[in-house]
Amino acid sequence: MIKQPIGIIDSGLGGLTVWKELVRTMPNEDYLYFGDSGFCPYGSKDPEEITRRVKTIIDFLIRENCKIIVVACNAITASSIDILRKIYTIPFIGMEPAIKPALLKTKTKVIGVLATERALKGNLFFNTKQKYAKGIKIIEQIGKGLVEKVEALDFHSESTMGILKHLLNPMIESNIDFLVLGCTHYPFLKESMKKILGGEVVIIDPAPAIAQHTANILKQVKQKKSLEIQKGRSTFLTTGDTNKMQFVLSMMAVTHDDVHSILI
């Protein structure tokens, strides 16, 4: 049987939050995770630069026989996914700030969105706002410095809490009842955010919905191509520090991981 893993690409460690939900949803699948920590962060980079870099990684994942690719990065999705879908025939699953459920459920009519600069400029985010945000105030904050904190494994320090307070306090003062996370790195900071937000604000992480959407798309692909499910195994590649990825996986209670360094 030819191994056909689900490919996952992220700018670094953040996409592991999506990988965890994918495994929870589809535990029998194989996964090949590519974290580009050596090129991180993506969120403030030029779209053309991101696309060039991502195409190189996608070519690698296709050579590794991936059957579907989850773009577990809001910045890549906003910058490149439309282009990737035109170039490649492999299915792509993208990320976007999950503001729709917040817009539909808000009672205070004020929600917050914490995201990278690139994600906030994405077409999907803009179109969702145009369709669902009538009469609702959206407070957008660029999470400057947060990706770097996560990549440094600095989740709870005084410095990290200071950045979060600076970003979240204006939202609290505006009476938000939902906070939408628009970067897959940010869920690693969720506990620190809760200490600032208190218990009244609901934090929305899109990873579970993305995992379910991937499962639905994969069922369609299997019907077309008769792909077989294999025993679940995950392989992790990073252009950064393997020890950091190993630490995060251990923190996520992953005991049977396979982590390698890669230059690309």
Protein backbone atom coordinates (compact mmCIF):
# COMPACT_ATOMS: atom_id res chain seq x y z
CA MET A 1 0.00 0.00 0.00
CA ILE A 2 1.36 3.43 -0.97
CA LYS A 3 1.59 5.78 1.95
CA GLN A 4 -0.48 8.91 1.34
CA PRO A 5 -0.32 11.23 4.36
CA ILE A 6 -2.28 14.38 5.01
CA GLY A 7 0.18 17.23 4.57
CA ILE A 8 0.12 20.15 7.00
CA ILE A 9 2.06 23.37 6.45
CA ASP A 10 2.58 26.25 8.87
CA SER A 11 5.06 29.05 9.43
CA GLY A 12 6.30 27.23 12.53
CA LEU A 13 4.82 25.65 15.64
CA GLY A 14 1.34 27.14 15.45
CA GLY A 15 -0.12 24.58 13.06
CA LEU A 16 0.40 21.89 15.69
CA THR A 17 -2.84 23.16 17.23
CA VAL A 18 -4.57 22.21 13.97
CA TRP A 19 -2.68 18.90 13.68
CA LYS A 20 -3.92 17.91 17.15
CA GLU A 21 -7.55 18.45 16.11
CA LEU A 22 -6.99 16.59 12.83
CA VAL A 23 -5.67 13.56 14.72
CA ARG A 24 -8.60 13.76 17.13
CA THR A 25 -11.02 13.79 14.19
CA MET A 26 -9.17 11.27 11.97
CA PRO A 27 -6.92 9.15 14.24
CA ASN A 28 -6.25 6.48 11.61
CA GLU A 29 -4.71 8.83 9.08
CA ASP A 30 -1.00 9.47 8.53
CA TYR A 31 0.25 13.07 8.83
CA LEU A 32 3.30 14.90 7.50
CA TYR A 33 3.74 18.22 9.29
CA PHE A 34 6.05 20.93 7.91
CA GLY A 35 6.80 23.82 10.26
CA ASP A 36 8.85 26.56 8.62
CA SER A 37 10.21 28.06 11.84
CA GLY A 38 13.44 29.06 10.10
CA PHE A 39 11.45 31.48 7.94
CA CYS A 40 8.96 32.55 10.65
CA PRO A 41 7.05 34.82 11.11
CA TYR A 42 5.02 34.95 7.89
CA GLY A 43 2.35 37.42 9.00
CA SER A 44 4.30 40.60 8.23
CA LYS A 45 5.98 39.37 5.04
CA ASP A 46 5.16 40.36 1.47
CA PRO A 47 2.56 38.07 -0.21
CA GLU A 48 4.83 37.33 -3.16
CA GLU A 49 7.64 36.31 -0.82
CA ILE A 50 5.30 34.02 1.12
CA THR A 51 3.98 32.42 -2.07
CA ARG A 52 7.45 31.70 -3.45
CA ARG A 53 8.46 30.06 -0.20
CA VAL A 54 5.26 28.07 0.16
CA LYS A 55 5.40 26.72 -3.40
CA THR A 56 8.78 25.17 -2.62
CA ILE A 57 7.33 23.47 0.45
CA ILE A 58 4.19 22.33 -1.38
CA ASP A 59 6.35 20.77 -4.12
CA PHE A 60 8.17 18.84 -1.40
CA LEU A 61 4.92 17.64 0.23
CA ILE A 62 3.60 16.48 -3.13
CA ARG A 63 6.80 14.54 -3.77
CA GLU A 64 6.15 12.90 -0.39
CA ASN A 65 2.83 11.70 -1.83
CA CYS A 66 0.48 13.82 0.30
CA LYS A 67 -3.12 13.40 -0.80
CA ILE A 68 -4.46 16.65 0.67
CA ILE A 69 -2.74 19.68 2.19
CA VAL A 70 -4.01 21.61 5.19
CA VAL A 71 -2.66 25.16 5.13
CA ALA A 72 -2.63 25.57 8.91
CA CYS A 73 -1.59 29.21 8.73
CA ASN A 74 -3.84 32.24 8.29
CA ALA A 75 -1.09 34.30 6.67
CA ILE A 76 -0.39 31.66 4.00
CA THR A 77 -4.10 31.24 3.35
CA ALA A 78 -4.63 34.97 2.91
CA SER A 79 -1.56 35.43 0.71
CA SER A 80 -1.33 32.29 -1.35
CA ILE A 81 -4.13 29.76 -1.27
CA ASP A 82 -5.98 31.09 -4.33
CA ILE A 83 -2.73 30.94 -6.32
CA LEU A 84 -1.92 27.46 -5.03
CA ARG A 85 -5.32 26.15 -6.07
CA LYS A 86 -4.73 27.41 -9.60
CA ILE A 87 -1.27 25.80 -9.85
CA TYR A 88 -1.88 22.41 -8.20
CA THR A 89 -4.60 19.77 -8.52
CA ILE A 90 -4.21 18.52 -4.93
CA PRO A 91 -6.98 19.72 -2.57
CA PHE A 92 -6.09 22.54 -0.16
CA ILE A 93 -7.81 23.35 3.14
CA GLY A 94 -7.20 26.92 4.30
CA MET A 95 -7.56 28.93 7.50
CA GLU A 96 -9.40 32.15 8.16
CA PRO A 97 -10.39 34.06 11.30
CA ALA A 98 -13.63 32.31 12.34
CA ILE A 99 -15.65 35.46 12.83
CA LYS A 100 -18.94 34.11 11.45
CA PRO A 101 -19.98 32.21 14.62
CA ALA A 102 -18.94 35.18 16.76
CA LEU A 103 -20.94 37.59 14.61
CA LEU A 104 -24.00 35.36 14.76
CA LYS A 105 -23.86 34.77 18.53
CA THR A 106 -22.63 38.06 19.99
CA LYS A 107 -24.97 39.69 22.49
CA THR A 108 -22.94 42.83 23.13
CA LYS A 109 -22.66 43.45 19.37
CA VAL A 110 -18.90 43.88 19.80
CA ILE A 111 -16.34 41.18 18.99
CA GLY A 112 -12.55 41.15 18.94
CA VAL A 113 -10.24 39.65 16.33
CA LEU A 114 -6.61 39.00 17.17
CA ALA A 115 -4.68 38.08 14.02
CA THR A 116 -1.56 38.65 11.97
CA GLU A 117 -1.37 41.62 9.64
CA ARG A 118 -1.59 39.39 6.56
CA ALA A 119 -4.65 37.47 7.84
CA LEU A 120 -6.57 40.70 8.46
CA LYS A 121 -5.97 41.66 4.82
CA GLY A 122 -7.34 38.38 3.44
CA ASN A 123 -10.31 38.24 1.05
CA LEU A 124 -12.13 35.60 3.09
CA PHE A 125 -12.01 37.76 6.19
CA PHE A 126 -13.18 40.83 4.26
CA ASN A 127 -16.05 39.00 2.56
CA THR A 128 -17.30 37.47 5.81
CA LYS A 129 -17.30 40.89 7.46
CA GLN A 130 -19.26 42.36 4.56
CA LYS A 131 -21.87 39.61 4.74
CA TYR A 132 -22.43 39.14 8.48
CA ALA A 133 -21.15 42.18 10.40
CA LYS A 134 -24.05 44.61 9.89
CA GLY A 135 -24.71 46.41 13.14
CA ILE A 136 -21.77 44.74 14.86
CA LYS A 137 -18.49 46.38 15.82
CA ILE A 138 -15.34 44.38 15.08
CA ILE A 139 -12.20 45.41 16.92
CA GLU A 140 -9.18 44.18 14.97
CA GLN A 141 -5.78 43.90 16.59
CA ILE A 142 -2.55 42.78 14.94
CA GLY A 143 -0.87 40.41 17.39
CA LYS A 144 2.54 41.95 16.93
CA GLY A 145 5.21 39.92 18.70
CA LEU A 146 2.96 37.01 19.69
CA VAL A 147 4.16 34.53 17.05
CA GLU A 148 7.73 35.22 18.11
CA LYS A 149 6.77 34.58 21.75
CA VAL A 150 5.23 31.21 20.88
CA GLU A 151 8.21 30.22 18.73
CA ALA A 152 10.42 31.05 21.72
CA LEU A 153 8.17 28.88 23.95
CA ASP A 154 7.44 31.96 26.04
CA PHE A 155 3.76 31.48 26.90
CA HIS A 156 3.34 32.98 30.39
CA SER A 157 6.18 35.40 31.12
CA GLU A 158 5.67 38.93 32.34
CA SER A 159 6.75 40.18 28.91
CA THR A 160 4.19 38.02 27.12
CA MET A 161 1.45 39.04 29.54
CA GLY A 162 2.37 42.68 28.94
CA ILE A 163 1.91 42.30 25.18
CA LEU A 164 -1.40 40.51 25.64
CA LYS A 165 -2.72 43.15 28.04
CA HIS A 166 -1.78 45.90 25.59
CA LEU A 167 -3.68 44.10 22.81
CA LEU A 168 -6.69 42.87 24.76
CA ASN A 169 -7.46 45.72 27.18
CA PRO A 170 -8.95 47.97 24.45
CA MET A 171 -11.24 45.08 23.49
CA ILE A 172 -12.29 44.55 27.11
CA GLU A 173 -13.02 48.26 27.46
CA SER A 174 -15.23 48.03 24.36
CA ASN A 175 -17.22 45.16 25.92
CA ILE A 176 -16.42 42.31 23.55
CA ASP A 177 -18.05 38.97 24.34
CA PHE A 178 -16.13 36.95 21.72
CA LEU A 179 -12.44 36.91 20.84
CA VAL A 180 -11.57 35.27 17.52
CA LEU A 181 -8.03 33.93 17.14
CA GLY A 182 -6.74 34.58 13.63
CA CYS A 183 -3.40 32.80 13.90
CA THR A 184 -2.74 29.15 14.70
CA HIS A 185 0.08 30.16 17.08
CA TYR A 186 -2.29 32.04 19.36
CA PRO A 187 -4.10 29.07 21.00
CA PHE A 188 -0.85 28.33 22.83
CA LEU A 189 -1.48 31.62 24.63
CA LYS A 190 -5.11 30.90 25.43
CA GLU A 191 -4.60 30.32 29.15
CA SER A 192 -2.72 33.61 29.48
CA MET A 193 -5.49 35.35 27.55
CA LYS A 194 -8.15 33.93 29.87
CA LYS A 195 -6.40 35.48 32.86
CA ILE A 196 -6.80 38.88 31.24
CA LEU A 197 -10.23 38.45 29.66
CA GLY A 198 -11.94 36.75 32.57
CA GLY A 199 -14.69 34.18 32.17
CA GLU A 200 -17.23 36.24 30.24
CA VAL A 201 -15.41 36.37 26.90
CA VAL A 202 -15.58 33.31 24.64
CA ILE A 203 -12.36 32.55 22.77
CA ILE A 204 -12.88 31.01 19.33
CA ASP A 205 -10.19 28.73 17.91
CA PRO A 206 -11.05 27.58 14.34
CA ALA A 207 -8.96 24.38 14.51
CA PRO A 208 -11.83 21.95 15.36
CA ALA A 209 -13.95 23.26 12.47
CA ILE A 210 -10.98 23.03 10.08
CA ALA A 211 -10.38 19.42 11.13
CA GLN A 212 -13.99 18.49 10.47
CA HIS A 213 -13.97 20.27 7.11
CA THR A 214 -10.81 18.37 6.16
CA ALA A 215 -12.49 15.08 7.07
CA ASN A 216 -15.48 15.95 4.89
CA ILE A 217 -13.31 16.89 1.91
CA LEU A 218 -11.19 13.77 2.33
CA LYS A 219 -14.30 11.59 2.14
CA GLN A 220 -15.07 13.15 -1.23
CA VAL A 221 -11.49 12.59 -2.43
CA LYS A 222 -11.61 8.96 -1.36
CA GLN A 223 -14.84 8.40 -3.22
CA LYS A 224 -13.21 9.71 -6.38
CA LYS A 225 -9.82 8.03 -6.04
CA SER A 226 -10.56 5.01 -3.82
CA LEU A 227 -7.85 5.99 -1.35
CA GLU A 228 -7.38 3.63 1.56
CA ILE A 229 -7.06 4.66 5.20
CA GLN A 230 -3.81 3.61 6.78
CA LYS A 231 -2.76 3.20 10.39
CA GLY A 232 -2.13 6.58 11.95
CA ARG A 233 1.41 7.91 12.17
CA SER A 234 2.67 11.49 12.34
CA THR A 235 5.99 12.80 11.08
CA PHE A 236 7.15 16.32 11.92
CA LEU A 237 9.64 18.38 9.92
CA THR A 238 11.00 21.77 10.92
CA THR A 239 13.41 24.27 9.43
CA GLY A 240 13.99 25.52 12.97
CA ASP A 241 14.95 23.96 16.29
CA THR A 242 13.85 20.32 16.62
CA ASN A 243 14.14 20.56 20.43
CA LYS A 244 11.48 23.28 20.50
CA MET A 245 9.09 21.24 18.37
CA GLN A 246 9.79 18.20 20.53
CA PHE A 247 9.03 20.25 23.65
CA VAL A 248 5.69 21.48 22.27
CA LEU A 249 4.69 17.97 21.25
CA SER A 250 5.54 16.74 24.73
CA MET A 251 3.49 19.59 26.18
CA MET A 252 0.59 18.42 24.01
CA ALA A 253 0.99 14.89 25.47
CA VAL A 254 2.26 13.36 22.23
CA THR A 255 4.46 10.41 23.10
CA HIS A 256 5.06 8.73 19.73
CA ASP A 257 6.34 11.55 17.57
CA ASP A 258 8.96 11.55 14.81
CA VAL A 259 10.71 14.93 14.55
CA HIS A 260 13.36 15.81 11.95
CA SER A 261 15.24 18.92 10.87
CA ILE A 262 15.03 19.85 7.21
CA LEU A 263 16.63 22.45 4.96
CA ILE A 264 14.58 23.56 1.99
